[in-house]
Amino acid sequence: MNKKPEILVTPKDLAEIKLLAEAGADAFVVGSEKFMICGRGYFDDTEIEGAVELAHRLDKKIYLAVDAIFPNDLLEELATYLQIVEKIKFDGIRYADLGAYMLIKEAIPDIPLHFVDQMMLTNYETVNYWSDRGIHRIRIAPELTLEEILEIKARASCEVEILIQGASMMFTSRRKLVENYLDFQKSVGKGVEISKNENTLYDPERELYYPILENTHGTHIFSGADICMIDDLKELLVAGIDVLYIEGFTYDSENLIKLMMLYKMAIELAVVDPEKYLKVGMALYGEASKLQGKNRKIDRGFYYKPTIYKNQSKSSGFDL
């Protein structure tokens, strides 16, 4: 029998925690706007305490995200923040910055740590480097193929988390780049466009809209299509992937809750009756596709294709 993984999601508020838990979520990520790189919603100190109490009352896990990129002054503020939240009974803390890692280890040495860098966790040696240093869980970079993910899981000595639904973060910078990008596009008079009203970058060649978020942590660009693996979980479950993450950034509450219900159904069916799951998989995929927002398609991400693109330079001799 396949192992049932944890279904993880980031909620918008306390009400969404309850609804997502009822729909099938096993765990939640919450955080402060000052220290969480981006989220569906942000929680102040009082709300975070309420979120932890609610999640535990519902017999769910809850993790604190401090996964921003930290300059010196913000790192000093994080040290103070950790002293404030140190007594809150989180089930783990998620980080992506090594300075944050050092402060967390000092302030709350016994708490499970999750390394969730969006770009760098691409091989089993890096995963086990962090596992050897006490990291409980790593989130694999989303631009890996299924074959690469399965090899990492087979060799990993800690929990492995992957993105199975939603947008992946393609780019992040502490600079606010939208205005500069608009000026550049205007100067060249062609190529992609940014719509200020919809906060998207449009690529006419691929007919994709890439969501752009600018916040206190800079500029973040997300993938033009949402990953959807609802009908293709068999190998992941057989391999024992520990955590399936649903990124709700591009979904409203109603559709995110419906997605959660679909994934709960899919996972339970895949674990209990794999043959039936294979028969109804495409129907589940079709139902998931109905929940997409404006200008949002679903696809397999990079699960079945490597991150290789057509070369724009004739002289290099390599495909990029």
Protein backbone atom coordinates (compact mmCIF):
# COMPACT_ATOMS: atom_id res chain seq x y z
CA MET A 1 0.00 0.00 0.00
CA ASN A 2 1.26 3.46 -0.87
CA LYS A 3 2.16 5.91 1.88
CA LYS A 4 -0.28 8.77 2.42
CA PRO A 5 1.65 12.07 2.25
CA GLU A 6 0.96 15.30 4.11
CA ILE A 7 -1.09 17.80 2.09
CA LEU A 8 0.28 21.28 2.81
CA VAL A 9 -1.18 24.69 1.91
CA THR A 10 -0.81 28.36 2.80
CA PRO A 11 -4.10 29.87 4.09
CA LYS A 12 -5.30 33.44 3.71
CA ASP A 13 -6.77 33.82 7.21
CA LEU A 14 -8.19 31.92 10.18
CA ALA A 15 -11.49 31.21 8.43
CA GLU A 16 -9.66 29.63 5.51
CA ILE A 17 -7.67 27.37 7.87
CA LYS A 18 -10.90 25.84 9.14
CA LEU A 19 -12.41 25.43 5.67
CA LEU A 20 -9.23 23.98 4.15
CA ALA A 21 -8.87 21.57 7.09
CA GLU A 22 -12.42 20.36 6.53
CA ALA A 23 -11.65 19.96 2.82
CA GLY A 24 -8.64 17.73 3.49
CA ALA A 25 -5.54 19.81 4.29
CA ASP A 26 -3.16 18.20 6.77
CA ALA A 27 -0.91 21.18 7.49
CA PHE A 28 -0.60 24.94 7.04
CA VAL A 29 2.07 27.58 6.53
CA VAL A 30 1.60 30.98 8.17
CA GLY A 31 3.85 33.98 8.54
CA SER A 32 4.32 37.70 9.04
CA GLU A 33 4.46 40.00 6.02
CA LYS A 34 7.81 41.28 7.26
CA PHE A 35 9.52 37.87 7.22
CA MET A 36 7.52 35.70 4.77
CA ILE A 37 8.58 36.20 1.16
CA CYS A 38 5.02 35.99 -0.17
CA GLY A 39 1.75 34.37 0.80
CA ARG A 40 -1.99 34.30 0.24
CA GLY A 41 -2.34 36.24 3.47
CA TYR A 42 -0.24 37.38 6.40
CA PHE A 43 -0.74 36.95 10.13
CA ASP A 44 0.22 39.36 12.90
CA ASP A 45 1.42 38.03 16.27
CA THR A 46 -2.07 37.63 17.72
CA GLU A 47 -3.44 36.01 14.56
CA ILE A 48 -0.51 33.59 14.44
CA GLU A 49 -1.24 32.43 17.99
CA GLY A 50 -4.88 31.94 17.01
CA ALA A 51 -3.88 30.03 13.88
CA VAL A 52 -1.67 27.65 15.85
CA GLU A 53 -4.38 27.06 18.44
CA LEU A 54 -6.99 26.43 15.73
CA ALA A 55 -4.81 24.11 13.67
CA HIS A 56 -3.91 21.99 16.69
CA ARG A 57 -7.54 21.89 17.84
CA LEU A 58 -8.36 20.49 14.38
CA ASP A 59 -5.50 17.97 14.77
CA LYS A 60 -3.49 19.60 11.97
CA LYS A 61 0.13 20.74 11.81
CA ILE A 62 1.19 24.34 11.35
CA TYR A 63 4.53 25.84 10.37
CA LEU A 64 5.96 29.34 10.65
CA ALA A 65 7.51 30.77 7.46
CA VAL A 66 10.46 33.14 7.80
CA ASP A 67 11.61 32.44 4.24
CA ALA A 68 12.43 35.96 3.04
CA ILE A 69 15.87 37.01 1.78
CA PHE A 70 17.39 38.89 4.72
CA PRO A 71 19.61 41.98 4.55
CA ASN A 72 21.44 42.93 7.75
CA ASP A 73 18.80 45.22 9.24
CA LEU A 74 15.94 42.78 8.64
CA LEU A 75 18.01 39.96 10.11
CA GLU A 76 18.31 41.99 13.32
CA GLU A 77 14.51 42.38 13.38
CA LEU A 78 14.13 38.63 12.86
CA ALA A 79 16.19 37.95 15.99
CA THR A 80 13.72 40.03 18.00
CA TYR A 81 10.72 38.39 16.30
CA LEU A 82 11.97 34.90 17.13
CA GLN A 83 12.13 35.85 20.80
CA ILE A 84 8.46 36.89 20.59
CA VAL A 85 7.21 33.71 18.87
CA GLU A 86 9.56 31.30 20.62
CA LYS A 87 6.85 30.16 23.06
CA ILE A 88 4.26 29.48 20.33
CA LYS A 89 4.01 25.75 19.67
CA PHE A 90 4.72 25.58 15.95
CA ASP A 91 5.36 22.17 14.40
CA GLY A 92 8.30 23.57 12.45
CA ILE A 93 9.89 26.68 10.97
CA ARG A 94 10.49 27.19 7.25
CA TYR A 95 13.49 29.24 6.10
CA ALA A 96 15.44 29.93 2.91
CA ASP A 97 18.22 32.24 4.11
CA LEU A 98 21.28 30.90 5.92
CA GLY A 99 21.38 33.90 8.24
CA ALA A 100 17.83 33.06 9.31
CA TYR A 101 18.92 29.45 9.84
CA MET A 102 21.66 30.54 12.24
CA LEU A 103 19.28 32.73 14.25
CA ILE A 104 16.59 30.06 14.46
CA LYS A 105 19.10 27.45 15.65
CA GLU A 106 20.20 29.83 18.38
CA ALA A 107 16.75 31.05 19.46
CA ILE A 108 14.69 27.82 19.15
CA PRO A 109 17.24 25.01 18.90
CA ASP A 110 14.85 22.07 19.23
CA ILE A 111 12.23 23.01 16.64
CA PRO A 112 12.09 21.04 13.36
CA LEU A 113 13.50 23.09 10.48
CA HIS A 114 12.35 23.04 6.85
CA PHE A 115 14.71 24.40 4.19
CA VAL A 116 12.48 25.76 1.41
CA ASP A 117 14.82 27.64 -0.91
CA GLN A 118 12.98 27.94 -4.24
CA MET A 119 16.02 27.50 -6.49
CA MET A 120 18.96 25.64 -4.95
CA LEU A 121 17.63 22.27 -3.78
CA THR A 122 18.21 20.42 -7.03
CA ASN A 123 20.22 17.31 -6.07
CA TYR A 124 20.50 14.68 -3.34
CA GLU A 125 23.96 15.79 -2.17
CA THR A 126 22.63 19.25 -1.28
CA VAL A 127 19.60 17.67 0.38
CA ASN A 128 21.75 15.38 2.52
CA TYR A 129 24.18 18.18 3.34
CA TRP A 130 21.31 19.90 5.12
CA SER A 131 19.93 16.67 6.53
CA ASP A 132 23.32 16.02 8.16
CA ARG A 133 22.96 19.41 9.85
CA GLY A 134 19.67 18.53 11.45
CA ILE A 135 17.20 19.78 8.85
CA HIS A 136 13.96 17.84 9.15
CA ARG A 137 12.52 18.62 5.70
CA ILE A 138 13.56 20.10 2.37
CA ARG A 139 11.38 21.45 -0.42
CA ILE A 140 12.78 20.41 -3.79
CA ALA A 141 13.10 23.12 -6.45
CA PRO A 142 10.07 22.99 -8.79
CA GLU A 143 12.04 22.95 -12.05
CA LEU A 144 13.05 19.29 -11.78
CA THR A 145 11.76 16.31 -13.71
CA LEU A 146 9.89 13.44 -12.09
CA GLU A 147 12.92 11.21 -12.63
CA GLU A 148 15.17 13.67 -10.77
CA ILE A 149 12.67 14.01 -7.93
CA LEU A 150 12.39 10.26 -7.49
CA GLU A 151 16.18 9.87 -7.42
CA ILE A 152 16.49 12.58 -4.77
CA LYS A 153 13.80 10.92 -2.64
CA ALA A 154 15.50 7.52 -2.97
CA ARG A 155 18.77 9.00 -1.64
CA ALA A 156 17.43 11.60 0.80
CA SER A 157 17.84 11.15 4.55
CA CYS A 158 15.16 13.70 5.48
CA GLU A 159 11.58 14.48 4.51
CA VAL A 160 11.01 15.61 0.93
CA GLU A 161 8.37 18.16 -0.09
CA ILE A 162 7.32 18.92 -3.65
CA LEU A 163 4.92 21.29 -5.41
CA ILE A 164 2.04 19.40 -7.03
CA GLN A 165 -0.51 22.15 -7.68
CA GLY A 166 -0.27 25.87 -8.40
CA ALA A 167 2.24 28.43 -9.60
CA SER A 168 5.97 28.10 -9.02
CA MET A 169 8.16 31.11 -8.32
CA MET A 170 10.41 31.58 -11.34
CA PHE A 171 12.28 34.68 -10.26
CA THR A 172 12.77 36.81 -7.17
CA SER A 173 14.80 39.94 -6.50
CA ARG A 174 14.94 42.35 -3.59
CA ARG A 175 14.71 45.18 -6.13
CA LYS A 176 11.37 46.53 -7.36
CA LEU A 177 11.72 45.90 -11.06
CA VAL A 178 8.31 46.46 -12.62
CA GLU A 179 8.73 50.15 -13.45
CA ASN A 180 12.20 49.56 -14.89
CA TYR A 181 10.89 46.66 -16.97
CA LEU A 182 8.06 48.77 -18.37
CA ASP A 183 10.52 51.49 -19.33
CA PHE A 184 12.73 48.94 -21.10
CA GLN A 185 9.85 47.40 -23.07
CA LYS A 186 8.72 50.85 -24.13
CA SER A 187 12.21 51.64 -25.37
CA VAL A 188 12.51 48.52 -27.53
CA GLY A 189 8.90 48.69 -28.70
CA LYS A 190 8.20 44.95 -28.73
CA GLY A 191 8.12 41.74 -26.73
CA VAL A 192 6.25 41.05 -23.53
CA GLU A 193 4.04 43.53 -21.74
CA ILE A 194 3.06 44.18 -18.16
CA SER A 195 -0.49 45.04 -17.23
CA LYS A 196 -0.49 47.14 -14.07
CA ASN A 197 -4.15 46.40 -13.47
CA GLU A 198 -3.76 42.64 -13.47
CA ASN A 199 -0.13 42.50 -12.25
CA THR A 200 0.89 40.13 -15.02
CA LEU A 201 3.62 39.84 -17.59
CA TYR A 202 2.29 38.64 -20.95
CA ASP A 203 4.38 36.51 -23.30
CA PRO A 204 2.71 36.58 -26.76
CA GLU A 205 4.91 33.77 -28.12
CA ARG A 206 3.66 31.25 -25.54
CA GLU A 207 0.35 33.04 -24.87
CA LEU A 208 0.99 32.91 -21.13
CA TYR A 209 0.38 35.44 -18.37
CA TYR A 210 3.01 35.44 -15.63
CA PRO A 211 1.77 36.83 -12.28
CA ILE A 212 4.01 39.49 -10.77
CA LEU A 213 4.04 40.36 -7.09
CA GLU A 214 5.88 43.35 -5.72
CA ASN A 215 6.00 43.63 -1.94
CA THR A 216 8.38 44.68 0.82
CA HIS A 217 10.73 41.85 -0.22
CA GLY A 218 11.03 43.01 -3.83
CA THR A 219 9.77 41.56 -7.11
CA HIS A 220 8.57 38.00 -7.63
CA ILE A 221 7.50 36.47 -10.94
CA PHE A 222 5.47 33.25 -11.01
CA SER A 223 5.02 30.65 -13.72
CA GLY A 224 2.57 31.30 -16.53
CA ALA A 225 0.65 28.06 -15.91
CA ASP A 226 -0.32 26.22 -12.75
CA ILE A 227 1.18 22.80 -12.20
CA CYS A 228 -1.45 20.08 -11.81
CA MET A 229 -0.50 16.51 -10.93
CA ILE A 230 -3.82 15.35 -9.50
CA ASP A 231 -4.13 12.41 -11.91
CA ASP A 232 -0.45 11.49 -11.88
CA LEU A 233 0.44 10.86 -8.24
CA LYS A 234 1.10 7.13 -8.42
CA GLU A 235 4.90 7.16 -8.74
CA LEU A 236 5.21 9.93 -6.16
CA LEU A 237 3.20 7.92 -3.63
CA VAL A 238 5.06 4.70 -4.37
CA ALA A 239 8.34 6.56 -3.85
CA GLY A 240 7.12 7.80 -0.47
CA ILE A 241 7.23 11.54 -1.10
CA ASP A 242 6.48 12.98 2.33
CA VAL A 243 4.73 16.28 1.57
CA LEU A 244 2.61 17.49 -1.34
CA TYR A 245 2.42 21.28 -1.44
CA ILE A 246 -0.51 23.14 -3.01
CA GLU A 247 0.38 26.74 -3.84
CA GLY A 248 -2.82 28.79 -3.65
CA PHE A 249 -1.39 32.11 -4.83
CA THR A 250 -3.45 32.20 -8.05
CA TYR A 251 -6.71 30.82 -6.59
CA ASP A 252 -9.60 32.43 -4.76
CA SER A 253 -10.81 30.79 -1.54
CA GLU A 254 -13.72 28.92 -3.09
CA ASN A 255 -11.65 27.28 -5.81
CA LEU A 256 -8.72 26.51 -3.51
CA ILE A 257 -11.08 24.68 -1.16
CA LYS A 258 -12.54 22.72 -4.08
CA LEU A 259 -9.02 21.82 -5.21
CA MET A 260 -8.21 20.60 -1.73
CA MET A 261 -11.27 18.35 -1.77
CA LEU A 262 -10.25 16.94 -5.16
CA TYR A 263 -6.72 16.19 -3.96
CA LYS A 264 -7.97 14.55 -0.79
CA MET A 265 -10.16 12.31 -2.95
CA ALA A 266 -7.33 11.59 -5.39
CA ILE A 267 -4.77 10.71 -2.72
CA GLU A 268 -7.10 8.52 -0.70
CA LEU A 269 -8.15 6.68 -3.86
CA ALA A 270 -4.56 6.29 -5.06
CA VAL A 271 -3.56 4.81 -1.69
CA VAL A 272 -6.56 2.49 -1.21
CA ASP A 273 -7.45 1.54 -4.80
CA PRO A 274 -4.67 2.45 -7.29
CA GLU A 275 -6.41 0.75 -10.23
CA LYS A 276 -9.59 2.77 -9.78
CA TYR A 277 -7.50 5.92 -9.35
CA LEU A 278 -5.92 5.36 -12.77
CA LYS A 279 -9.37 5.04 -14.33
CA VAL A 280 -10.76 8.28 -12.86
CA GLY A 281 -7.54 10.31 -12.99
CA MET A 282 -8.31 12.22 -16.16
CA ALA A 283 -11.75 13.09 -14.84
CA LEU A 284 -10.09 14.57 -11.74
CA TYR A 285 -7.74 16.55 -13.98
CA GLY A 286 -10.73 17.86 -15.90
CA GLU A 287 -12.43 18.96 -12.68
CA ALA A 288 -9.26 20.71 -11.55
CA SER A 289 -9.01 22.55 -14.86
CA LYS A 290 -12.47 24.06 -14.25
CA LEU A 291 -11.14 25.82 -11.15
CA GLN A 292 -8.53 27.88 -12.97
CA GLY A 293 -8.72 31.65 -12.74
CA LYS A 294 -8.62 34.12 -15.61
CA ASN A 295 -5.76 33.50 -18.06
CA ARG A 296 -4.48 30.54 -16.01
CA LYS A 297 -3.83 27.21 -17.74
CA ILE A 298 -2.72 23.98 -16.08
CA ASP A 299 0.11 21.73 -17.18
CA ARG A 300 2.75 19.33 -15.80
CA GLY A 301 5.35 21.98 -15.08
CA PHE A 302 8.77 20.38 -15.55
CA TYR A 303 7.82 16.90 -14.35
CA TYR A 304 8.20 15.54 -17.87
CA LYS A 305 10.47 18.07 -19.52
CA PRO A 306 13.90 19.41 -18.55
CA THR A 307 14.52 23.13 -18.11
CA ILE A 308 16.01 23.58 -21.60
CA TYR A 309 14.94 26.28 -24.01
CA LYS A 310 15.81 27.24 -27.56
CA ASN A 311 19.12 29.01 -27.88
CA GLN A 312 18.80 32.72 -28.60
CA SER A 313 22.46 32.97 -29.60
CA LYS A 314 23.74 31.27 -32.75
CA SER A 315 27.34 31.35 -31.58
CA SER A 316 27.23 29.43 -28.30
CA GLY A 317 26.57 25.97 -29.71
CA PHE A 318 24.36 25.10 -26.72
CA ASP A 319 20.59 24.97 -26.19
CA LEU A 320 19.51 27.18 -23.30
